[in-house]
Amino acid sequence: MKVFSREFQVKTKTRFESIDITDLVQENINGVNEGVAYVIVKHTTCAVTINEAEKGLMKDYVEWAKKLVPPDGEFNHNMIDNNGHAHVISSIIGNSRVIPITNGRLDLGTWQRVILLEFDGPRTRTILVKSMGE
C-alpha cells in the first residue's frame, strides 16, 4: 500500500464563503490508482463537504449555516474571539471527508464536488490530502 500526504492552501476572500476545491484535491492524490483520499481542512472555523457546486447552492450553504448558527448569537467563546458561530457550525458539518479513488481519479458522483465552507474569513486555509492505496 502507498501512502501520500500533501497539503495545499486556499485563500478565502470574505467572512462567509463556499469554494469548490475538487480540482485541487484531485491534483494532490497523484500516486494512488485505487484507494481512498482523506481530505481534512486543518482549521476549526471552516468545514469540508461534498455536494453540488451549483451557483445558487454555493450561496445557500453559507446562508443556511448563518440561519442555523447565527453569527450574532451568544457564544461564550466570543469573549476570546468573535467567531463562536464559526466553531459551532464547522463542528456540525465536519472538517473532513473520505473519497474513493478509482483509476487515479476521485470517484465522485456526476454532480458531486468537494467544497470548502468558510465561516470566519478572510483567511488562508490549509487542506491536507492523505491518499492511501495501490
C-alpha atoms as a PDB file:
ATOM      1  CA  MET A   1       0.000   0.000   0.000  1.00  0.00           C
ATOM      2  CA  LYS A   2       1.195   3.503  -0.832  1.00  0.00           C
ATOM      3  CA  VAL A   3       0.517   6.476   1.421  1.00  0.00           C
ATOM      4  CA  PHE A   4       0.948  10.057   0.269  1.00  0.00           C
ATOM      5  CA  SER A   5       0.387  13.236   2.298  1.00  0.00           C
ATOM      6  CA  ARG A   6       0.129  16.517   0.502  1.00  0.00           C
ATOM      7  CA  GLU A   7      -1.109  19.937   1.522  1.00  0.00           C
ATOM      8  CA  PHE A   8      -2.329  22.935  -0.399  1.00  0.00           C
ATOM      9  CA  GLN A   9      -3.648  26.320   0.647  1.00  0.00           C
ATOM     10  CA  VAL A  10      -6.733  28.286  -0.288  1.00  0.00           C
ATOM     11  CA  LYS A  11      -7.097  31.999   0.399  1.00  0.00           C
ATOM     12  CA  THR A  12     -10.661  32.946   1.217  1.00  0.00           C
ATOM     13  CA  LYS A  13     -11.896  36.442   0.419  1.00  0.00           C
ATOM     14  CA  THR A  14     -14.877  37.030   2.698  1.00  0.00           C
ATOM     15  CA  ARG A  15     -16.137  36.029   6.145  1.00  0.00           C
ATOM     16  CA  PHE A  16     -18.624  33.526   4.694  1.00  0.00           C
ATOM     17  CA  GLU A  17     -17.744  31.717   1.501  1.00  0.00           C
ATOM     18  CA  SER A  18     -18.034  28.402  -0.319  1.00  0.00           C
ATOM     19  CA  ILE A  19     -15.242  27.336  -2.660  1.00  0.00           C
ATOM     20  CA  ASP A  20     -15.087  24.339  -4.988  1.00  0.00           C
ATOM     21  CA  ILE A  21     -11.724  22.674  -4.236  1.00  0.00           C
ATOM     22  CA  THR A  22     -12.301  19.438  -6.180  1.00  0.00           C
ATOM     23  CA  ASP A  23      -9.634  20.072  -8.801  1.00  0.00           C
ATOM     24  CA  LEU A  24      -7.063  20.981  -6.130  1.00  0.00           C
ATOM     25  CA  VAL A  25      -7.843  17.782  -4.217  1.00  0.00           C
ATOM     26  CA  GLN A  26      -7.542  15.758  -7.450  1.00  0.00           C
ATOM     27  CA  GLU A  27      -4.119  17.294  -8.149  1.00  0.00           C
ATOM     28  CA  ASN A  28      -2.936  16.124  -4.728  1.00  0.00           C
ATOM     29  CA  ILE A  29      -3.793  12.405  -4.978  1.00  0.00           C
ATOM     30  CA  ASN A  30      -1.100  11.601  -7.551  1.00  0.00           C
ATOM     31  CA  GLY A  31       0.455   8.207  -6.956  1.00  0.00           C
ATOM     32  CA  VAL A  32      -2.645   6.264  -5.891  1.00  0.00           C
ATOM     33  CA  ASN A  33      -4.626   4.460  -8.573  1.00  0.00           C
ATOM     34  CA  GLU A  34      -7.081   2.530  -6.363  1.00  0.00           C
ATOM     35  CA  GLY A  35      -7.756   3.522  -2.762  1.00  0.00           C
ATOM     36  CA  VAL A  36      -9.098   6.399  -0.716  1.00  0.00           C
ATOM     37  CA  ALA A  37      -8.322  10.069  -0.173  1.00  0.00           C
ATOM     38  CA  TYR A  38      -8.826  11.674   3.213  1.00  0.00           C
ATOM     39  CA  VAL A  39      -9.477  15.391   2.801  1.00  0.00           C
ATOM     40  CA  ILE A  40      -9.001  17.390   6.010  1.00  0.00           C
ATOM     41  CA  VAL A  41      -9.147  21.143   6.496  1.00  0.00           C
ATOM     42  CA  LYS A  42      -6.680  21.915   9.289  1.00  0.00           C
ATOM     43  CA  HIS A  43      -8.718  24.665  10.942  1.00  0.00           C
ATOM     44  CA  THR A  44     -11.602  24.943  13.407  1.00  0.00           C
ATOM     45  CA  THR A  45     -13.719  27.682  11.819  1.00  0.00           C
ATOM     46  CA  CYS A  46     -14.346  26.184   8.384  1.00  0.00           C
ATOM     47  CA  ALA A  47     -15.602  22.860   7.052  1.00  0.00           C
ATOM     48  CA  VAL A  48     -15.470  20.470   4.099  1.00  0.00           C
ATOM     49  CA  THR A  49     -18.470  18.898   2.449  1.00  0.00           C
ATOM     50  CA  ILE A  50     -19.308  17.010  -0.720  1.00  0.00           C
ATOM     51  CA  ASN A  51     -22.234  18.305  -2.679  1.00  0.00           C
ATOM     52  CA  GLU A  52     -23.178  20.085  -5.867  1.00  0.00           C
ATOM     53  CA  ALA A  53     -21.285  23.280  -6.726  1.00  0.00           C
ATOM     54  CA  GLU A  54     -24.213  24.950  -8.475  1.00  0.00           C
ATOM     55  CA  LYS A  55     -24.045  28.747  -8.065  1.00  0.00           C
ATOM     56  CA  GLY A  56     -27.270  29.067  -6.071  1.00  0.00           C
ATOM     57  CA  LEU A  57     -26.390  26.189  -3.762  1.00  0.00           C
ATOM     58  CA  MET A  58     -22.932  27.635  -3.148  1.00  0.00           C
ATOM     59  CA  LYS A  59     -24.713  30.694  -1.687  1.00  0.00           C
ATOM     60  CA  ASP A  60     -27.274  28.552   0.139  1.00  0.00           C
ATOM     61  CA  TYR A  61     -24.612  26.609   2.057  1.00  0.00           C
ATOM     62  CA  VAL A  62     -23.329  29.691   3.852  1.00  0.00           C
ATOM     63  CA  GLU A  63     -26.682  31.493   4.089  1.00  0.00           C
ATOM     64  CA  TRP A  64     -28.313  28.494   5.765  1.00  0.00           C
ATOM     65  CA  ALA A  65     -25.291  27.994   8.010  1.00  0.00           C
ATOM     66  CA  LYS A  66     -25.832  31.577   9.227  1.00  0.00           C
ATOM     67  CA  LYS A  67     -29.509  30.786   9.908  1.00  0.00           C
ATOM     68  CA  LEU A  68     -28.698  27.543  11.748  1.00  0.00           C
ATOM     69  CA  VAL A  69     -25.952  29.137  13.866  1.00  0.00           C
ATOM     70  CA  PRO A  70     -26.430  32.933  13.733  1.00  0.00           C
ATOM     71  CA  PRO A  71     -23.155  34.882  13.903  1.00  0.00           C
ATOM     72  CA  ASP A  72     -24.795  37.434  16.204  1.00  0.00           C
ATOM     73  CA  GLY A  73     -25.835  34.732  18.694  1.00  0.00           C
ATOM     74  CA  GLU A  74     -24.483  34.468  22.214  1.00  0.00           C
ATOM     75  CA  PHE A  75     -21.296  32.394  22.380  1.00  0.00           C
ATOM     76  CA  ASN A  76     -19.037  32.111  25.419  1.00  0.00           C
ATOM     77  CA  HIS A  77     -16.091  31.837  23.051  1.00  0.00           C
ATOM     78  CA  ASN A  78     -16.779  35.357  21.762  1.00  0.00           C
ATOM     79  CA  MET A  79     -15.069  36.690  24.884  1.00  0.00           C
ATOM     80  CA  ILE A  80     -11.827  35.440  23.273  1.00  0.00           C
ATOM     81  CA  ASP A  81     -12.600  35.797  19.555  1.00  0.00           C
ATOM     82  CA  ASN A  82     -15.736  36.955  17.839  1.00  0.00           C
ATOM     83  CA  ASN A  83     -16.146  33.669  15.974  1.00  0.00           C
ATOM     84  CA  GLY A  84     -18.023  31.286  18.256  1.00  0.00           C
ATOM     85  CA  HIS A  85     -20.581  30.715  15.491  1.00  0.00           C
ATOM     86  CA  ALA A  86     -17.840  29.509  13.137  1.00  0.00           C
ATOM     87  CA  HIS A  87     -16.556  26.919  15.607  1.00  0.00           C
ATOM     88  CA  VAL A  88     -20.063  25.565  16.226  1.00  0.00           C
ATOM     89  CA  ILE A  89     -21.185  25.295  12.583  1.00  0.00           C
ATOM     90  CA  SER A  90     -17.873  23.799  11.456  1.00  0.00           C
ATOM     91  CA  SER A  91     -18.232  21.163  14.199  1.00  0.00           C
ATOM     92  CA  ILE A  92     -21.712  20.306  12.944  1.00  0.00           C
ATOM     93  CA  ILE A  93     -20.643  19.982   9.294  1.00  0.00           C
ATOM     94  CA  GLY A  94     -17.200  18.496   9.914  1.00  0.00           C
ATOM     95  CA  ASN A  95     -13.634  19.191   8.891  1.00  0.00           C
ATOM     96  CA  SER A  96     -13.004  16.080   6.768  1.00  0.00           C
ATOM     97  CA  ARG A  97     -14.325  13.724   4.118  1.00  0.00           C
ATOM     98  CA  VAL A  98     -13.227  10.344   2.748  1.00  0.00           C
ATOM     99  CA  ILE A  99     -13.409   9.912  -1.027  1.00  0.00           C
ATOM    100  CA  PRO A 100     -12.775   6.719  -3.007  1.00  0.00           C
ATOM    101  CA  ILE A 101     -10.083   6.817  -5.692  1.00  0.00           C
ATOM    102  CA  THR A 102     -10.737   4.741  -8.816  1.00  0.00           C
ATOM    103  CA  ASN A 103      -8.379   4.656 -11.786  1.00  0.00           C
ATOM    104  CA  GLY A 104      -6.389   7.529 -10.285  1.00  0.00           C
ATOM    105  CA  ARG A 105      -9.417   9.833 -10.040  1.00  0.00           C
ATOM    106  CA  LEU A 106     -11.698  10.945  -7.220  1.00  0.00           C
ATOM    107  CA  ASP A 107     -14.702   8.642  -7.544  1.00  0.00           C
ATOM    108  CA  LEU A 108     -17.453  11.210  -7.106  1.00  0.00           C
ATOM    109  CA  GLY A 109     -20.993  11.170  -8.455  1.00  0.00           C
ATOM    110  CA  THR A 110     -21.980  13.148 -11.533  1.00  0.00           C
ATOM    111  CA  TRP A 111     -22.719  16.389  -9.680  1.00  0.00           C
ATOM    112  CA  GLN A 112     -20.587  15.869  -6.581  1.00  0.00           C
ATOM    113  CA  ARG A 113     -17.776  18.296  -5.802  1.00  0.00           C
ATOM    114  CA  VAL A 114     -15.543  18.848  -2.764  1.00  0.00           C
ATOM    115  CA  ILE A 115     -16.470  22.184  -1.205  1.00  0.00           C
ATOM    116  CA  LEU A 116     -14.627  24.256   1.392  1.00  0.00           C
ATOM    117  CA  LEU A 117     -17.026  26.232   3.587  1.00  0.00           C
ATOM    118  CA  GLU A 118     -15.520  29.334   5.187  1.00  0.00           C
ATOM    119  CA  PHE A 119     -17.233  30.797   8.269  1.00  0.00           C
ATOM    120  CA  ASP A 120     -14.521  33.126   9.616  1.00  0.00           C
ATOM    121  CA  GLY A 121     -12.623  34.627   6.705  1.00  0.00           C
ATOM    122  CA  PRO A 122     -10.838  36.029   5.025  1.00  0.00           C
ATOM    123  CA  ARG A 123      -8.062  33.586   5.875  1.00  0.00           C
ATOM    124  CA  THR A 124      -5.509  31.271   4.343  1.00  0.00           C
ATOM    125  CA  ARG A 125      -6.724  27.707   4.813  1.00  0.00           C
ATOM    126  CA  THR A 126      -4.547  24.598   4.682  1.00  0.00           C
ATOM    127  CA  ILE A 127      -6.080  21.403   3.334  1.00  0.00           C
ATOM    128  CA  LEU A 128      -4.377  18.041   3.851  1.00  0.00           C
ATOM    129  CA  VAL A 129      -4.971  15.267   1.338  1.00  0.00           C
ATOM    130  CA  LYS A 130      -3.805  11.868   2.592  1.00  0.00           C
ATOM    131  CA  SER A 131      -4.108   9.256  -0.156  1.00  0.00           C
ATOM    132  CA  MET A 132      -3.797   5.537   0.537  1.00  0.00           C
ATOM    133  CA  GLY A 133      -3.968   2.599  -1.786  1.00  0.00           C
ATOM    134  CA  GLU A 134      -2.259   0.970  -4.748  1.00  0.00           C
END
